[in-house]
Amino acid sequence: MSEQTLISMKPVSEYADELARVLEPLVRRIVREELERVVERQPDVFVLQEDSPLYGDMVELARRSREGKIELLTYEQVWNQDAE
């Protein structure tokens, strides 16, 4: 059997895992950028319910920020590239 044949015999789940690994950061980045655009254009459109986990996370981040216990990273630090 040739090497090419052996490579093509990988289980589909391996391809799916690799695809997810590659796509997830890209999808997260696109969603984040789109949310930023929406909030900039319509700041009142983004409302969190107080009982949502994200609301609780935001409250915790605000508290830690007030107490000086949080360090925000720059775009370059997060994405390890030049700002666009």
N, C-alpha and C. Protein backbone atom coordinates (compact mmCIF):
# COMPACT_ATOMS: atom_id res chain seq x y z
N MET A 1 0.84 -1.18 0.00
CA MET A 1 0.00 0.00 0.00
C MET A 1 0.88 1.25 0.00
N SER A 2 0.54 2.23 -0.77
CA SER A 2 1.36 3.45 -0.85
C SER A 2 1.09 4.35 0.36
N GLU A 3 2.01 5.28 0.59
CA GLU A 3 1.86 6.22 1.71
C GLU A 3 0.61 7.07 1.52
N GLN A 4 0.32 7.46 0.30
CA GLN A 4 -0.85 8.27 0.01
C GLN A 4 -2.12 7.53 0.41
N THR A 5 -2.19 6.25 0.14
CA THR A 5 -3.36 5.45 0.52
C THR A 5 -3.49 5.38 2.03
N LEU A 6 -2.38 5.20 2.73
CA LEU A 6 -2.42 5.13 4.19
C LEU A 6 -2.89 6.44 4.80
N ILE A 7 -2.46 7.54 4.24
CA ILE A 7 -2.87 8.85 4.76
C ILE A 7 -4.37 9.03 4.58
N SER A 8 -4.90 8.60 3.46
CA SER A 8 -6.32 8.80 3.21
C SER A 8 -7.20 7.87 4.05
N MET A 9 -6.59 6.93 4.76
CA MET A 9 -7.36 6.00 5.57
C MET A 9 -7.55 6.49 7.00
N LYS A 10 -7.11 7.72 7.30
CA LYS A 10 -7.32 8.26 8.64
C LYS A 10 -8.82 8.35 8.91
N PRO A 11 -9.22 8.09 10.13
CA PRO A 11 -10.65 8.20 10.46
C PRO A 11 -11.16 9.63 10.22
N VAL A 12 -12.40 9.71 9.83
CA VAL A 12 -13.02 11.02 9.58
C VAL A 12 -12.93 11.90 10.82
N SER A 13 -13.02 11.30 12.01
CA SER A 13 -12.97 12.09 13.24
C SER A 13 -11.65 12.85 13.37
N GLU A 14 -10.56 12.29 12.86
CA GLU A 14 -9.27 13.00 12.90
C GLU A 14 -9.32 14.24 12.03
N TYR A 15 -9.94 14.14 10.87
CA TYR A 15 -10.07 15.30 10.00
C TYR A 15 -10.98 16.34 10.65
N ALA A 16 -12.05 15.89 11.27
CA ALA A 16 -12.97 16.81 11.92
C ALA A 16 -12.29 17.53 13.07
N ASP A 17 -11.49 16.80 13.86
CA ASP A 17 -10.77 17.42 14.97
C ASP A 17 -9.78 18.46 14.46
N GLU A 18 -9.07 18.12 13.40
CA GLU A 18 -8.10 19.07 12.84
C GLU A 18 -8.80 20.29 12.26
N LEU A 19 -9.91 20.07 11.58
CA LEU A 19 -10.67 21.18 11.02
C LEU A 19 -11.18 22.09 12.13
N ALA A 20 -11.70 21.51 13.21
CA ALA A 20 -12.18 22.31 14.34
C ALA A 20 -11.04 23.10 14.96
N ARG A 21 -9.88 22.48 15.08
CA ARG A 21 -8.72 23.16 15.67
C ARG A 21 -8.31 24.37 14.84
N VAL A 22 -8.41 24.25 13.53
CA VAL A 22 -8.02 25.34 12.64
C VAL A 22 -9.11 26.41 12.57
N LEU A 23 -10.36 25.98 12.51
CA LEU A 23 -11.45 26.94 12.32
C LEU A 23 -11.85 27.69 13.59
N GLU A 24 -11.75 27.06 14.74
CA GLU A 24 -12.24 27.69 15.97
C GLU A 24 -11.63 29.06 16.23
N PRO A 25 -10.30 29.23 16.18
CA PRO A 25 -9.76 30.57 16.41
C PRO A 25 -10.23 31.58 15.36
N LEU A 26 -10.37 31.13 14.13
CA LEU A 26 -10.83 32.02 13.07
C LEU A 26 -12.27 32.46 13.32
N VAL A 27 -13.13 31.52 13.67
CA VAL A 27 -14.53 31.85 13.94
C VAL A 27 -14.63 32.78 15.14
N ARG A 28 -13.88 32.50 16.20
CA ARG A 28 -13.89 33.37 17.38
C ARG A 28 -13.48 34.80 17.02
N ARG A 29 -12.45 34.91 16.20
CA ARG A 29 -11.97 36.24 15.81
C ARG A 29 -13.03 36.98 15.00
N ILE A 30 -13.65 36.30 14.05
CA ILE A 30 -14.68 36.92 13.22
C ILE A 30 -15.86 37.36 14.07
N VAL A 31 -16.32 36.50 14.96
CA VAL A 31 -17.45 36.84 15.83
C VAL A 31 -17.11 38.05 16.69
N ARG A 32 -15.91 38.05 17.28
CA ARG A 32 -15.49 39.17 18.12
C ARG A 32 -15.47 40.46 17.33
N GLU A 33 -14.91 40.44 16.12
CA GLU A 33 -14.85 41.64 15.30
C GLU A 33 -16.24 42.12 14.91
N GLU A 34 -17.12 41.20 14.58
CA GLU A 34 -18.49 41.59 14.21
C GLU A 34 -19.24 42.17 15.41
N LEU A 35 -19.06 41.57 16.58
CA LEU A 35 -19.70 42.11 17.78
C LEU A 35 -19.19 43.52 18.09
N GLU A 36 -17.91 43.74 17.91
CA GLU A 36 -17.35 45.08 18.11
C GLU A 36 -18.00 46.08 17.17
N ARG A 37 -18.18 45.69 15.92
CA ARG A 37 -18.81 46.59 14.94
C ARG A 37 -20.25 46.92 15.33
N VAL A 38 -20.99 45.91 15.75
CA VAL A 38 -22.38 46.13 16.14
C VAL A 38 -22.46 47.07 17.33
N VAL A 39 -21.64 46.83 18.33
CA VAL A 39 -21.67 47.65 19.54
C VAL A 39 -21.25 49.09 19.23
N GLU A 40 -20.31 49.28 18.33
CA GLU A 40 -19.90 50.63 17.95
C GLU A 40 -21.03 51.38 17.24
N ARG A 41 -21.77 50.69 16.38
CA ARG A 41 -22.84 51.33 15.61
C ARG A 41 -24.10 51.51 16.44
N GLN A 42 -24.42 50.53 17.27
CA GLN A 42 -25.65 50.57 18.06
C GLN A 42 -25.34 50.13 19.49
N PRO A 43 -24.78 51.02 20.30
CA PRO A 43 -24.34 50.63 21.64
C PRO A 43 -25.45 50.09 22.54
N ASP A 44 -26.69 50.45 22.28
CA ASP A 44 -27.78 50.00 23.15
C ASP A 44 -28.36 48.65 22.71
N VAL A 45 -27.83 48.03 21.66
CA VAL A 45 -28.40 46.78 21.17
C VAL A 45 -27.91 45.58 21.96
N PHE A 46 -26.80 45.72 22.66
CA PHE A 46 -26.21 44.60 23.38
C PHE A 46 -26.60 44.68 24.85
N VAL A 47 -27.57 43.87 25.25
CA VAL A 47 -28.06 43.88 26.63
C VAL A 47 -27.96 42.46 27.18
N LEU A 48 -27.33 42.33 28.34
CA LEU A 48 -27.21 41.02 28.99
C LEU A 48 -28.26 40.87 30.08
N GLN A 49 -28.84 39.70 30.17
CA GLN A 49 -29.76 39.41 31.26
C GLN A 49 -28.94 39.18 32.53
N GLU A 50 -29.42 39.68 33.66
CA GLU A 50 -28.65 39.58 34.90
C GLU A 50 -28.41 38.14 35.35
N ASP A 51 -29.26 37.21 34.92
CA ASP A 51 -29.07 35.82 35.35
C ASP A 51 -28.22 35.01 34.36
N SER A 52 -27.66 35.67 33.34
CA SER A 52 -26.83 34.94 32.38
C SER A 52 -25.41 34.78 32.91
N PRO A 53 -24.75 33.67 32.56
CA PRO A 53 -23.36 33.47 32.99
C PRO A 53 -22.43 34.58 32.49
N LEU A 54 -22.66 35.08 31.29
CA LEU A 54 -21.81 36.14 30.75
C LEU A 54 -21.94 37.42 31.57
N TYR A 55 -23.16 37.73 32.01
CA TYR A 55 -23.36 38.91 32.86
C TYR A 55 -22.56 38.78 34.14
N GLY A 56 -22.62 37.61 34.75
CA GLY A 56 -21.85 37.37 35.97
C GLY A 56 -20.36 37.53 35.73
N ASP A 57 -19.88 37.03 34.59
CA ASP A 57 -18.46 37.19 34.25
C ASP A 57 -18.09 38.65 34.08
N MET A 58 -18.96 39.42 33.45
CA MET A 58 -18.69 40.84 33.24
C MET A 58 -18.65 41.60 34.57
N VAL A 59 -19.57 41.26 35.47
CA VAL A 59 -19.58 41.89 36.80
C VAL A 59 -18.29 41.56 37.54
N GLU A 60 -17.86 40.31 37.47
CA GLU A 60 -16.62 39.89 38.12
C GLU A 60 -15.41 40.61 37.52
N LEU A 61 -15.37 40.73 36.21
CA LEU A 61 -14.27 41.46 35.56
C LEU A 61 -14.26 42.93 35.97
N ALA A 62 -15.43 43.55 36.04
CA ALA A 62 -15.50 44.95 36.46
C ALA A 62 -15.00 45.11 37.89
N ARG A 63 -15.38 44.20 38.78
CA ARG A 63 -14.93 44.26 40.17
C ARG A 63 -13.42 44.13 40.25
N ARG A 64 -12.89 43.14 39.56
CA ARG A 64 -11.44 42.91 39.58
C ARG A 64 -10.69 44.09 38.97
N SER A 65 -11.27 44.72 37.95
CA SER A 65 -10.65 45.88 37.33
C SER A 65 -10.59 47.05 38.31
N ARG A 66 -11.70 47.30 39.02
CA ARG A 66 -11.73 48.38 40.02
C ARG A 66 -10.69 48.15 41.11
N GLU A 67 -10.47 46.90 41.47
CA GLU A 67 -9.52 46.56 42.53
C GLU A 67 -8.09 46.48 42.01
N GLY A 68 -7.90 46.70 40.72
CA GLY A 68 -6.57 46.64 40.14
C GLY A 68 -6.01 45.23 40.05
N LYS A 69 -6.89 44.25 40.04
CA LYS A 69 -6.47 42.85 40.01
C LYS A 69 -6.60 42.22 38.63
N ILE A 70 -6.67 43.04 37.63
CA ILE A 70 -6.81 42.51 36.28
C ILE A 70 -5.86 43.25 35.35
N GLU A 71 -5.26 42.53 34.46
CA GLU A 71 -4.37 43.13 33.48
C GLU A 71 -4.92 42.80 32.10
N LEU A 72 -5.30 43.82 31.37
CA LEU A 72 -5.83 43.60 30.02
C LEU A 72 -4.67 43.54 29.04
N LEU A 73 -4.75 42.61 28.12
CA LEU A 73 -3.71 42.43 27.11
C LEU A 73 -3.99 43.29 25.89
N THR A 74 -2.95 43.70 25.23
CA THR A 74 -3.11 44.45 23.99
C THR A 74 -3.50 43.49 22.87
N TYR A 75 -3.95 44.05 21.78
CA TYR A 75 -4.30 43.25 20.61
C TYR A 75 -3.10 42.41 20.18
N GLU A 76 -1.92 43.04 20.16
CA GLU A 76 -0.72 42.34 19.73
C GLU A 76 -0.40 41.17 20.65
N GLN A 77 -0.59 41.35 21.96
CA GLN A 77 -0.32 40.27 22.90
C GLN A 77 -1.29 39.11 22.71
N VAL A 78 -2.54 39.43 22.48
CA VAL A 78 -3.56 38.38 22.32
C VAL A 78 -3.34 37.61 21.03
N TRP A 79 -3.15 38.31 19.94
CA TRP A 79 -3.08 37.67 18.63
C TRP A 79 -1.66 37.44 18.15
N ASN A 80 -0.69 37.94 18.92
CA ASN A 80 0.72 37.77 18.58
C ASN A 80 1.02 38.25 17.16
N GLN A 81 0.47 39.42 16.85
CA GLN A 81 0.69 40.00 15.53
C GLN A 81 0.49 41.50 15.62
N ASP A 82 0.81 42.21 14.55
CA ASP A 82 0.62 43.66 14.52
C ASP A 82 -0.86 43.98 14.47
N ALA A 83 -1.24 45.08 15.11
CA ALA A 83 -2.64 45.52 15.07
C ALA A 83 -2.99 45.89 13.63
N GLU A 84 -4.22 45.59 13.28
CA GLU A 84 -4.67 45.87 11.91
C GLU A 84 -5.33 47.22 11.86
